[in-house]
Amino acid sequence: MSDDVDNKVVPLKQRPCPVCRKPATAKHRPFCSKRCADLDLGQWLDGGYRIPTEEHPDDGELTDLYRDD
């Protein structure tokens, strides 16, 4: 009897699009459309999801980022 419980598959909870709150589509999950997926990607690329911090990068880290090798 416990084998039946262990083998049971629980479907994922359907969540709305995190950008516009419309129902997500299978093609663009977890978003509802390519537009919402692109808007979210833009947020990531612009640093919109970064966590603010009081730390400052070392000078060596900055020069390593911009050095042409």
Protein backbone atom coordinates (compact mmCIF):
# COMPACT_ATOMS: atom_id res chain seq x y z
CA MET A 1 0.00 0.00 0.00
CA SER A 2 2.85 2.45 0.73
CA ASP A 3 4.24 1.71 -2.77
CA ASP A 4 1.12 3.29 -4.31
CA VAL A 5 1.71 6.49 -2.37
CA ASP A 6 5.43 6.64 -3.27
CA ASN A 7 4.77 6.19 -7.01
CA LYS A 8 2.11 8.88 -7.24
CA VAL A 9 3.02 11.76 -9.55
CA VAL A 10 1.96 15.19 -8.37
CA PRO A 11 1.51 17.74 -11.18
CA LEU A 12 3.16 21.14 -10.88
CA LYS A 13 0.95 23.97 -9.71
CA GLN A 14 -0.18 26.19 -12.59
CA ARG A 15 1.10 29.69 -11.94
CA PRO A 16 0.38 32.89 -13.83
CA CYS A 17 2.93 34.74 -15.93
CA PRO A 18 5.27 36.60 -13.55
CA VAL A 19 5.20 39.70 -15.80
CA CYS A 20 1.52 40.26 -16.64
CA ARG A 21 -0.26 37.63 -14.49
CA LYS A 22 -2.05 36.00 -17.47
CA PRO A 23 -2.11 32.18 -17.65
CA ALA A 24 1.24 30.71 -18.74
CA THR A 25 1.48 28.79 -22.00
CA ALA A 26 3.37 25.53 -22.49
CA LYS A 27 5.52 27.04 -25.25
CA HIS A 28 6.77 29.98 -23.16
CA ARG A 29 6.45 28.62 -19.62
CA PRO A 30 6.58 30.22 -17.07
CA PHE A 31 5.52 33.18 -19.25
CA CYS A 32 2.41 33.68 -21.35
CA SER A 33 4.21 34.94 -24.49
CA LYS A 34 7.57 35.66 -26.06
CA ARG A 35 7.03 39.35 -25.29
CA CYS A 36 6.81 38.71 -21.54
CA ALA A 37 9.83 36.38 -21.69
CA ASP A 38 11.81 39.10 -23.50
CA LEU A 39 10.74 41.75 -20.97
CA ASP A 40 11.97 39.52 -18.15
CA LEU A 41 15.27 38.89 -19.94
CA GLY A 42 15.69 42.64 -20.34
CA GLN A 43 15.24 43.06 -16.59
CA TRP A 44 18.02 40.52 -15.98
CA LEU A 45 20.37 42.15 -18.50
CA ASP A 46 19.77 45.67 -17.14
CA GLY A 47 20.46 44.54 -13.57
CA GLY A 48 16.86 44.98 -12.47
CA TYR A 49 16.97 41.84 -10.35
CA ARG A 50 20.27 42.53 -8.61
CA ILE A 51 20.50 42.59 -4.83
CA PRO A 52 21.84 45.91 -3.53
CA THR A 53 25.01 45.68 -1.49
CA GLU A 54 27.42 47.98 0.32
CA GLU A 55 30.47 46.10 -1.02
CA HIS A 56 32.67 47.75 -3.62
CA PRO A 57 34.66 45.75 -6.19
CA ASP A 58 38.45 45.71 -5.82
CA ASP A 59 40.44 47.69 -8.40
CA GLY A 60 42.00 44.42 -9.57
CA GLU A 61 38.59 42.95 -10.34
CA LEU A 62 37.64 45.93 -12.51
CA THR A 63 40.85 45.85 -14.53
CA ASP A 64 40.47 42.10 -15.06
CA LEU A 65 36.97 42.68 -16.48
CA TYR A 66 38.11 45.25 -19.04
CA ARG A 67 41.47 43.78 -20.01
CA ASP A 68 41.84 42.58 -23.63
CA ASP A 69 43.61 39.22 -23.72
